[in-house]
Amino acid sequence: MDNKNETIKDNNMASQAASLESLGPLAIAGVQPYQEKAGEEYMNDAQKEHFYKILTAWRDQLRNEVDRTVVHMKNEAANFPDPVDRASQEEEFALELRARDRERKLIKKIEKTLAKLKNDEFGYCEQCGIEIGIKRLEARPTADLCVDCKALAEIKEKQLEG
């Protein structure tokens, strides 16, 4: 009975994390979209604090997922005598590890973005230097290109592939 309850609890936690993740970084941080005030300076202290909350909450949530996976894999690891059961478990673990690897890369990108925020380099396009914009940064807090430069980069990438 305890294992069944633990499995239900793990599944509930995983579905809560997935639903939070689908809502995006704002929901993970528990913040509302930033309301710009008339004549407000771009990337002022209030905006920086807003994005700091978003980025740190997102990073912490991803770190918790990594920790949860490690615990899950330790608890669930078994040497099944049946090759099919063993293969199923190995495939499950491989999928989890692949997801965690993507998340590890995202954590590094979030850390890089937090450093840019600290150094007053956050919110500006690395290519052309213009403001990326609050709405775009809320949708993708790690964005380092404005919409136009990102579109050009994607076009160039497709041309190189083709």
N, C-alpha and C. Protein backbone atom coordinates (compact mmCIF):
# COMPACT_ATOMS: atom_id res chain seq x y z
N MET A 1 0.82 -1.20 0.00
CA MET A 1 0.00 0.00 0.00
C MET A 1 0.86 1.26 0.00
N ASP A 2 1.97 1.25 0.76
CA ASP A 2 2.84 2.41 0.80
C ASP A 2 3.44 2.73 -0.56
N ASN A 3 3.87 1.68 -1.29
CA ASN A 3 4.43 1.90 -2.63
C ASN A 3 3.40 2.51 -3.55
N LYS A 4 2.17 2.03 -3.45
CA LYS A 4 1.10 2.57 -4.31
C LYS A 4 0.87 4.04 -3.97
N ASN A 5 0.82 4.39 -2.69
CA ASN A 5 0.64 5.78 -2.28
C ASN A 5 1.80 6.65 -2.74
N GLU A 6 3.02 6.12 -2.64
CA GLU A 6 4.20 6.86 -3.09
C GLU A 6 4.13 7.10 -4.59
N THR A 7 3.72 6.08 -5.35
CA THR A 7 3.60 6.22 -6.79
C THR A 7 2.56 7.27 -7.14
N ILE A 8 1.42 7.23 -6.46
CA ILE A 8 0.37 8.23 -6.70
C ILE A 8 0.90 9.62 -6.38
N LYS A 9 1.61 9.75 -5.27
CA LYS A 9 2.17 11.03 -4.85
C LYS A 9 3.18 11.53 -5.90
N ASP A 10 4.08 10.63 -6.36
CA ASP A 10 5.06 11.00 -7.38
C ASP A 10 4.37 11.45 -8.67
N ASN A 11 3.33 10.70 -9.07
CA ASN A 11 2.60 11.06 -10.29
C ASN A 11 1.91 12.41 -10.14
N ASN A 12 1.32 12.67 -8.96
CA ASN A 12 0.68 13.96 -8.73
C ASN A 12 1.69 15.09 -8.79
N MET A 13 2.87 14.89 -8.18
CA MET A 13 3.91 15.91 -8.20
C MET A 13 4.39 16.15 -9.63
N ALA A 14 4.55 15.09 -10.38
CA ALA A 14 5.00 15.21 -11.76
C ALA A 14 3.97 15.94 -12.60
N SER A 15 2.68 15.63 -12.41
CA SER A 15 1.66 16.31 -13.20
C SER A 15 1.53 17.77 -12.80
N GLN A 16 1.72 18.08 -11.51
CA GLN A 16 1.70 19.49 -11.08
C GLN A 16 2.86 20.24 -11.71
N ALA A 17 4.04 19.63 -11.71
CA ALA A 17 5.21 20.27 -12.30
C ALA A 17 5.00 20.47 -13.80
N ALA A 18 4.45 19.46 -14.47
CA ALA A 18 4.20 19.57 -15.91
C ALA A 18 3.17 20.65 -16.21
N SER A 19 2.12 20.75 -15.38
CA SER A 19 1.12 21.77 -15.63
C SER A 19 1.70 23.16 -15.36
N LEU A 20 2.54 23.30 -14.34
CA LEU A 20 3.20 24.58 -14.10
C LEU A 20 4.10 24.94 -15.28
N GLU A 21 4.85 23.95 -15.75
CA GLU A 21 5.77 24.20 -16.85
C GLU A 21 5.01 24.61 -18.11
N SER A 22 3.84 24.02 -18.35
CA SER A 22 3.07 24.37 -19.53
C SER A 22 2.52 25.79 -19.44
N LEU A 23 2.37 26.30 -18.22
CA LEU A 23 1.91 27.68 -18.05
C LEU A 23 3.04 28.68 -18.25
N GLY A 24 4.25 28.21 -18.20
CA GLY A 24 5.38 29.06 -18.46
C GLY A 24 6.05 29.59 -17.21
N PRO A 25 7.15 30.32 -17.42
CA PRO A 25 7.94 30.82 -16.30
C PRO A 25 7.17 31.74 -15.35
N LEU A 26 6.22 32.52 -15.86
CA LEU A 26 5.45 33.40 -14.98
C LEU A 26 4.70 32.60 -13.93
N ALA A 27 4.06 31.52 -14.36
CA ALA A 27 3.29 30.69 -13.43
C ALA A 27 4.20 29.99 -12.44
N ILE A 28 5.34 29.53 -12.90
CA ILE A 28 6.29 28.86 -12.01
C ILE A 28 6.71 29.81 -10.90
N ALA A 29 6.95 31.07 -11.27
CA ALA A 29 7.39 32.08 -10.30
C ALA A 29 6.22 32.61 -9.47
N GLY A 30 4.99 32.36 -9.93
CA GLY A 30 3.83 32.86 -9.21
C GLY A 30 3.67 34.36 -9.31
N VAL A 31 4.08 34.93 -10.45
CA VAL A 31 3.96 36.38 -10.65
C VAL A 31 3.00 36.68 -11.79
N GLN A 32 2.45 37.86 -11.73
CA GLN A 32 1.57 38.34 -12.79
C GLN A 32 2.42 39.00 -13.88
N PRO A 33 1.88 39.10 -15.10
CA PRO A 33 2.62 39.84 -16.14
C PRO A 33 2.93 41.25 -15.66
N TYR A 34 4.08 41.75 -16.05
CA TYR A 34 4.53 43.07 -15.61
C TYR A 34 3.65 44.13 -16.27
N GLN A 35 3.18 45.06 -15.48
CA GLN A 35 2.37 46.18 -15.98
C GLN A 35 3.27 47.40 -16.12
N GLU A 36 3.61 47.72 -17.36
CA GLU A 36 4.47 48.89 -17.58
C GLU A 36 3.69 50.17 -17.30
N LYS A 37 4.37 51.12 -16.70
CA LYS A 37 3.78 52.42 -16.41
C LYS A 37 4.20 53.41 -17.48
N ALA A 38 3.35 54.38 -17.75
CA ALA A 38 3.63 55.38 -18.78
C ALA A 38 4.95 56.09 -18.46
N GLY A 39 5.82 56.19 -19.45
CA GLY A 39 7.08 56.89 -19.31
C GLY A 39 8.13 56.15 -18.49
N GLU A 40 7.85 54.90 -18.16
CA GLU A 40 8.77 54.11 -17.33
C GLU A 40 10.02 53.75 -18.13
N GLU A 41 11.17 53.85 -17.48
CA GLU A 41 12.43 53.51 -18.11
C GLU A 41 12.52 51.99 -18.28
N TYR A 42 13.04 51.56 -19.45
CA TYR A 42 13.20 50.14 -19.74
C TYR A 42 14.29 49.55 -18.85
N MET A 43 14.04 48.37 -18.32
CA MET A 43 14.92 47.62 -17.43
C MET A 43 15.31 48.43 -16.18
N ASN A 44 14.30 49.03 -15.58
CA ASN A 44 14.49 49.71 -14.30
C ASN A 44 14.55 48.66 -13.20
N ASP A 45 14.73 49.12 -11.96
CA ASP A 45 14.89 48.18 -10.83
C ASP A 45 13.68 47.27 -10.65
N ALA A 46 12.46 47.80 -10.83
CA ALA A 46 11.26 46.98 -10.67
C ALA A 46 11.21 45.87 -11.72
N GLN A 47 11.54 46.19 -12.95
CA GLN A 47 11.55 45.19 -14.02
C GLN A 47 12.64 44.15 -13.79
N LYS A 48 13.80 44.60 -13.35
CA LYS A 48 14.89 43.66 -13.06
C LYS A 48 14.48 42.71 -11.94
N GLU A 49 13.84 43.22 -10.91
CA GLU A 49 13.38 42.38 -9.80
C GLU A 49 12.34 41.37 -10.28
N HIS A 50 11.45 41.83 -11.16
CA HIS A 50 10.42 40.96 -11.74
C HIS A 50 11.08 39.77 -12.46
N PHE A 51 12.07 40.05 -13.29
CA PHE A 51 12.73 38.98 -14.05
C PHE A 51 13.64 38.14 -13.17
N TYR A 52 14.21 38.74 -12.13
CA TYR A 52 15.01 37.97 -11.18
C TYR A 52 14.12 36.91 -10.50
N LYS A 53 12.92 37.31 -10.08
CA LYS A 53 11.99 36.36 -9.46
C LYS A 53 11.64 35.23 -10.43
N ILE A 54 11.35 35.58 -11.66
CA ILE A 54 10.98 34.59 -12.67
C ILE A 54 12.12 33.61 -12.91
N LEU A 55 13.31 34.14 -13.15
CA LEU A 55 14.47 33.29 -13.48
C LEU A 55 14.88 32.40 -12.32
N THR A 56 14.91 32.94 -11.10
CA THR A 56 15.33 32.12 -9.96
C THR A 56 14.30 31.04 -9.64
N ALA A 57 13.01 31.37 -9.74
CA ALA A 57 11.98 30.36 -9.49
C ALA A 57 12.05 29.25 -10.54
N TRP A 58 12.27 29.62 -11.79
CA TRP A 58 12.36 28.65 -12.88
C TRP A 58 13.56 27.75 -12.67
N ARG A 59 14.71 28.35 -12.35
CA ARG A 59 15.93 27.57 -12.09
C ARG A 59 15.73 26.61 -10.91
N ASP A 60 15.14 27.11 -9.83
CA ASP A 60 14.92 26.27 -8.65
C ASP A 60 13.97 25.12 -8.95
N GLN A 61 12.94 25.38 -9.75
CA GLN A 61 11.99 24.33 -10.12
C GLN A 61 12.70 23.25 -10.94
N LEU A 62 13.56 23.66 -11.86
CA LEU A 62 14.30 22.69 -12.67
C LEU A 62 15.28 21.89 -11.81
N ARG A 63 15.93 22.54 -10.86
CA ARG A 63 16.83 21.82 -9.96
C ARG A 63 16.07 20.79 -9.12
N ASN A 64 14.88 21.15 -8.68
CA ASN A 64 14.06 20.21 -7.91
C ASN A 64 13.69 19.00 -8.76
N GLU A 65 13.41 19.21 -10.03
CA GLU A 65 13.11 18.10 -10.93
C GLU A 65 14.31 17.16 -11.07
N VAL A 66 15.49 17.73 -11.16
CA VAL A 66 16.71 16.93 -11.26
C VAL A 66 16.85 16.07 -9.99
N ASP A 67 16.67 16.71 -8.83
CA ASP A 67 16.77 15.97 -7.56
C ASP A 67 15.73 14.87 -7.48
N ARG A 68 14.51 15.18 -7.91
CA ARG A 68 13.43 14.20 -7.87
C ARG A 68 13.75 13.00 -8.76
N THR A 69 14.34 13.26 -9.91
CA THR A 69 14.69 12.18 -10.82
C THR A 69 15.75 11.27 -10.21
N VAL A 70 16.75 11.87 -9.59
CA VAL A 70 17.81 11.07 -8.95
C VAL A 70 17.21 10.16 -7.90
N VAL A 71 16.35 10.70 -7.04
CA VAL A 71 15.71 9.91 -5.99
C VAL A 71 14.85 8.82 -6.62
N HIS A 72 14.08 9.18 -7.64
CA HIS A 72 13.21 8.20 -8.31
C HIS A 72 14.02 7.05 -8.90
N MET A 73 15.11 7.40 -9.58
CA MET A 73 15.91 6.35 -10.23
C MET A 73 16.58 5.45 -9.19
N LYS A 74 17.01 6.02 -8.08
CA LYS A 74 17.60 5.20 -7.02
C LYS A 74 16.56 4.26 -6.42
N ASN A 75 15.36 4.79 -6.18
CA ASN A 75 14.31 3.99 -5.54
C ASN A 75 13.73 2.94 -6.47
N GLU A 76 13.67 3.24 -7.75
CA GLU A 76 13.03 2.34 -8.70
C GLU A 76 13.99 1.38 -9.37
N ALA A 77 15.28 1.61 -9.23
CA ALA A 77 16.25 0.75 -9.90
C ALA A 77 16.14 -0.68 -9.36
N ALA A 78 15.96 -1.57 -10.28
CA ALA A 78 15.86 -2.98 -9.90
C ALA A 78 16.49 -3.82 -11.01
N ASN A 79 17.00 -4.94 -10.63
CA ASN A 79 17.58 -5.85 -11.61
C ASN A 79 16.52 -6.91 -11.93
N PHE A 80 15.66 -6.57 -12.89
CA PHE A 80 14.58 -7.50 -13.24
C PHE A 80 15.14 -8.72 -13.95
N PRO A 81 14.67 -9.91 -13.57
CA PRO A 81 15.12 -11.11 -14.26
C PRO A 81 14.55 -11.19 -15.69
N ASP A 82 13.37 -10.61 -15.88
CA ASP A 82 12.74 -10.64 -17.20
C ASP A 82 13.37 -9.56 -18.10
N PRO A 83 13.91 -9.97 -19.25
CA PRO A 83 14.58 -9.00 -20.13
C PRO A 83 13.64 -7.88 -20.61
N VAL A 84 12.37 -8.17 -20.80
CA VAL A 84 11.41 -7.16 -21.26
C VAL A 84 11.20 -6.10 -20.17
N ASP A 85 11.06 -6.56 -18.93
CA ASP A 85 10.90 -5.62 -17.82
C ASP A 85 12.15 -4.76 -17.66
N ARG A 86 13.31 -5.39 -17.78
CA ARG A 86 14.57 -4.67 -17.65
C ARG A 86 14.71 -3.63 -18.77
N ALA A 87 14.35 -4.02 -19.99
CA ALA A 87 14.43 -3.10 -21.14
C ALA A 87 13.46 -1.93 -20.97
N SER A 88 12.27 -2.21 -20.46
CA SER A 88 11.30 -1.14 -20.22
C SER A 88 11.83 -0.13 -19.22
N GLN A 89 12.42 -0.64 -18.15
CA GLN A 89 12.96 0.26 -17.13
C GLN A 89 14.13 1.07 -17.70
N GLU A 90 14.99 0.43 -18.45
CA GLU A 90 16.12 1.15 -19.04
C GLU A 90 15.65 2.24 -19.99
N GLU A 91 14.62 1.96 -20.76
CA GLU A 91 14.06 2.96 -21.69
C GLU A 91 13.45 4.12 -20.92
N GLU A 92 12.73 3.83 -19.85
CA GLU A 92 12.14 4.88 -19.00
C GLU A 92 13.24 5.77 -18.43
N PHE A 93 14.30 5.14 -17.91
CA PHE A 93 15.40 5.90 -17.34
C PHE A 93 16.11 6.73 -18.41
N ALA A 94 16.28 6.16 -19.60
CA ALA A 94 16.93 6.89 -20.69
C ALA A 94 16.14 8.13 -21.07
N LEU A 95 14.81 8.01 -21.11
CA LEU A 95 13.96 9.17 -21.43
C LEU A 95 14.07 10.23 -20.34
N GLU A 96 14.06 9.81 -19.09
CA GLU A 96 14.19 10.76 -17.98
C GLU A 96 15.53 11.46 -18.03
N LEU A 97 16.60 10.71 -18.30
CA LEU A 97 17.93 11.31 -18.34
C LEU A 97 18.06 12.29 -19.50
N ARG A 98 17.43 11.98 -20.62
CA ARG A 98 17.45 12.90 -21.76
C ARG A 98 16.74 14.20 -21.41
N ALA A 99 15.60 14.09 -20.75
CA ALA A 99 14.87 15.28 -20.32
C ALA A 99 15.69 16.09 -19.32
N ARG A 100 16.33 15.40 -18.38
CA ARG A 100 17.13 16.11 -17.38
C ARG A 100 18.34 16.78 -18.03
N ASP A 101 18.90 16.17 -19.09
CA ASP A 101 20.03 16.77 -19.77
C ASP A 101 19.61 18.08 -20.44
N ARG A 102 18.43 18.09 -21.06
CA ARG A 102 17.91 19.33 -21.64
C ARG A 102 17.71 20.38 -20.55
N GLU A 103 17.18 19.93 -19.41
CA GLU A 103 16.95 20.85 -18.30
C GLU A 103 18.27 21.37 -17.74
N ARG A 104 19.29 20.54 -17.70
CA ARG A 104 20.61 20.97 -17.22
C ARG A 104 21.15 22.08 -18.12
N LYS A 105 20.98 21.92 -19.43
CA LYS A 105 21.42 22.96 -20.37
C LYS A 105 20.61 24.24 -20.16
N LEU A 106 19.33 24.10 -19.88
CA LEU A 106 18.48 25.25 -19.64
C LEU A 106 18.88 25.96 -18.34
N ILE A 107 19.24 25.19 -17.32
CA ILE A 107 19.71 25.79 -16.07
C ILE A 107 20.96 26.63 -16.33
N LYS A 108 21.88 26.13 -17.16
CA LYS A 108 23.08 26.89 -17.50
C LYS A 108 22.71 28.19 -18.20
N LYS A 109 21.72 28.11 -19.09
CA LYS A 109 21.29 29.31 -19.82
C LYS A 109 20.62 30.30 -18.86
N ILE A 110 19.87 29.80 -17.90
CA ILE A 110 19.24 30.67 -16.90
C ILE A 110 20.33 31.34 -16.06
N GLU A 111 21.36 30.58 -15.66
CA GLU A 111 22.46 31.14 -14.89
C GLU A 111 23.17 32.25 -15.67
N LYS A 112 23.38 32.02 -16.95
CA LYS A 112 24.00 33.03 -17.82
C LYS A 112 23.11 34.28 -17.88
N THR A 113 21.81 34.08 -17.97
CA THR A 113 20.87 35.20 -18.03
C THR A 113 20.85 35.96 -16.71
N LEU A 114 20.91 35.25 -15.58
CA LEU A 114 20.97 35.91 -14.28
C LEU A 114 22.24 36.77 -14.15
N ALA A 115 23.35 36.28 -14.70
CA ALA A 115 24.59 37.06 -14.68
C ALA A 115 24.43 38.32 -15.53
N LYS A 116 23.77 38.20 -16.68
CA LYS A 116 23.51 39.37 -17.53
C LYS A 116 22.62 40.37 -16.79
N LEU A 117 21.65 39.87 -16.06
CA LEU A 117 20.76 40.73 -15.29
C LEU A 117 21.55 41.50 -14.24
N LYS A 118 22.44 40.81 -13.56
CA LYS A 118 23.28 41.42 -12.52
C LYS A 118 24.20 42.49 -13.11
N ASN A 119 24.69 42.25 -14.34
CA ASN A 119 25.63 43.17 -14.99
C ASN A 119 24.95 44.22 -15.87
N ASP A 120 23.62 44.36 -15.73
CA ASP A 120 22.84 45.33 -16.51
C ASP A 120 22.95 45.12 -18.02
N GLU A 121 23.07 43.88 -18.45
CA GLU A 121 23.14 43.54 -19.88
C GLU A 121 21.88 42.81 -20.32
N PHE A 122 20.94 42.61 -19.41
CA PHE A 122 19.73 41.83 -19.68
C PHE A 122 18.69 42.69 -20.40
N GLY A 123 18.00 42.08 -21.36
CA GLY A 123 16.88 42.73 -22.01
C GLY A 123 17.21 43.41 -23.31
N TYR A 124 18.47 43.31 -23.73
CA TYR A 124 18.89 43.95 -24.97
C TYR A 124 19.42 42.89 -25.94
N CYS A 125 19.11 43.06 -27.20
CA CYS A 125 19.51 42.12 -28.24
C CYS A 125 21.03 42.06 -28.35
N GLU A 126 21.58 40.85 -28.33
CA GLU A 126 23.02 40.67 -28.46
C GLU A 126 23.52 41.00 -29.87
N GLN A 127 22.61 40.98 -30.84
CA GLN A 127 22.99 41.22 -32.23
C GLN A 127 22.96 42.71 -32.57
N CYS A 128 21.83 43.36 -32.30
CA CYS A 128 21.67 44.75 -32.73
C CYS A 128 21.59 45.76 -31.58
N GLY A 129 21.43 45.28 -30.35
CA GLY A 129 21.44 46.16 -29.19
C GLY A 129 20.13 46.80 -28.80
N ILE A 130 19.06 46.56 -29.56
CA ILE A 130 17.78 47.19 -29.20
C ILE A 130 17.11 46.42 -28.06
N GLU A 131 16.08 47.03 -27.49
CA GLU A 131 15.33 46.40 -26.41
C GLU A 131 14.60 45.17 -26.94
N ILE A 132 14.70 44.08 -26.20
CA ILE A 132 13.99 42.85 -26.59
C ILE A 132 12.51 42.99 -26.29
N GLY A 133 12.16 43.64 -25.19
CA GLY A 133 10.76 43.87 -24.84
C GLY A 133 10.30 43.00 -23.69
N ILE A 134 9.49 43.59 -22.83
CA ILE A 134 9.00 42.92 -21.62
C ILE A 134 8.19 41.68 -21.97
N LYS A 135 7.25 41.80 -22.91
CA LYS A 135 6.36 40.67 -23.24
C LYS A 135 7.16 39.49 -23.78
N ARG A 136 8.11 39.75 -24.65
CA ARG A 136 8.93 38.66 -25.20
C ARG A 136 9.76 38.02 -24.09
N LEU A 137 10.31 38.83 -23.20
CA LEU A 137 11.12 38.30 -22.12
C LEU A 137 10.28 37.51 -21.12
N GLU A 138 9.02 37.90 -20.94
CA GLU A 138 8.16 37.12 -20.06
C GLU A 138 7.84 35.76 -20.68
N ALA A 139 7.67 35.75 -21.99
CA ALA A 139 7.40 34.48 -22.68
C ALA A 139 8.64 33.60 -22.72
N ARG A 140 9.79 34.23 -22.89
CA ARG A 140 11.06 33.50 -22.98
C ARG A 140 12.13 34.31 -22.26
N PRO A 141 12.22 34.15 -20.93
CA PRO A 141 13.14 34.98 -20.14
C PRO A 141 14.61 34.86 -20.51
N THR A 142 14.99 33.79 -21.18
CA THR A 142 16.39 33.62 -21.57
C THR A 142 16.68 34.14 -22.98
N ALA A 143 15.70 34.81 -23.58
CA ALA A 143 15.89 35.34 -24.94
C ALA A 143 17.04 36.32 -24.95
N ASP A 144 17.92 36.18 -25.93
CA ASP A 144 19.03 37.13 -26.03
C ASP A 144 19.05 37.83 -27.38
N LEU A 145 18.02 37.57 -28.19
CA LEU A 145 17.87 38.25 -29.47
C LEU A 145 16.47 38.86 -29.57
N CYS A 146 16.36 40.00 -30.24
CA CYS A 146 15.04 40.58 -30.49
C CYS A 146 14.32 39.69 -31.52
N VAL A 147 13.05 39.94 -31.72
CA VAL A 147 12.26 39.12 -32.63
C VAL A 147 12.84 39.13 -34.04
N ASP A 148 13.22 40.31 -34.53
CA ASP A 148 13.74 40.41 -35.90
C ASP A 148 15.06 39.65 -36.07
N CYS A 149 15.98 39.81 -35.14
CA CYS A 149 17.27 39.11 -35.25
C CYS A 149 17.09 37.60 -35.09
N LYS A 150 16.16 37.19 -34.24
CA LYS A 150 15.89 35.76 -34.07
C LYS A 150 15.32 35.18 -35.36
N ALA A 151 14.40 35.92 -35.99
CA ALA A 151 13.81 35.46 -37.26
C ALA A 151 14.90 35.32 -38.33
N LEU A 152 15.79 36.30 -38.40
CA LEU A 152 16.89 36.23 -39.38
C LEU A 152 17.80 35.04 -39.09
N ALA A 153 18.11 34.81 -37.83
CA ALA A 153 18.96 33.68 -37.44
C ALA A 153 18.31 32.35 -37.84
N GLU A 154 17.00 32.25 -37.66
CA GLU A 154 16.31 31.02 -38.03
C GLU A 154 16.28 30.82 -39.54
N ILE A 155 16.12 31.91 -40.30
CA ILE A 155 16.14 31.81 -41.77
C ILE A 155 17.52 31.33 -42.23
N LYS A 156 18.58 31.94 -41.67
CA LYS A 156 19.95 31.54 -42.03
C LYS A 156 20.19 30.07 -41.69
N GLU A 157 19.70 29.65 -40.54
CA GLU A 157 19.86 28.25 -40.11
C GLU A 157 19.18 27.29 -41.08
N LYS A 158 17.98 27.65 -41.53
CA LYS A 158 17.25 26.80 -42.49
C LYS A 158 17.99 26.74 -43.83
N GLN A 159 18.56 27.87 -44.24
CA GLN A 159 19.30 27.89 -45.51
C GLN A 159 20.54 27.00 -45.44
N LEU A 160 21.20 26.99 -44.29
CA LEU A 160 22.38 26.13 -44.12
C LEU A 160 22.02 24.66 -44.11
N GLU A 161 20.82 24.34 -43.57
CA GLU A 161 20.37 22.94 -43.53
C GLU A 161 19.99 22.45 -44.92
N GLY A 162 19.39 23.33 -45.71
CA GLY A 162 18.84 22.95 -47.01
C GLY A 162 19.86 22.86 -48.05
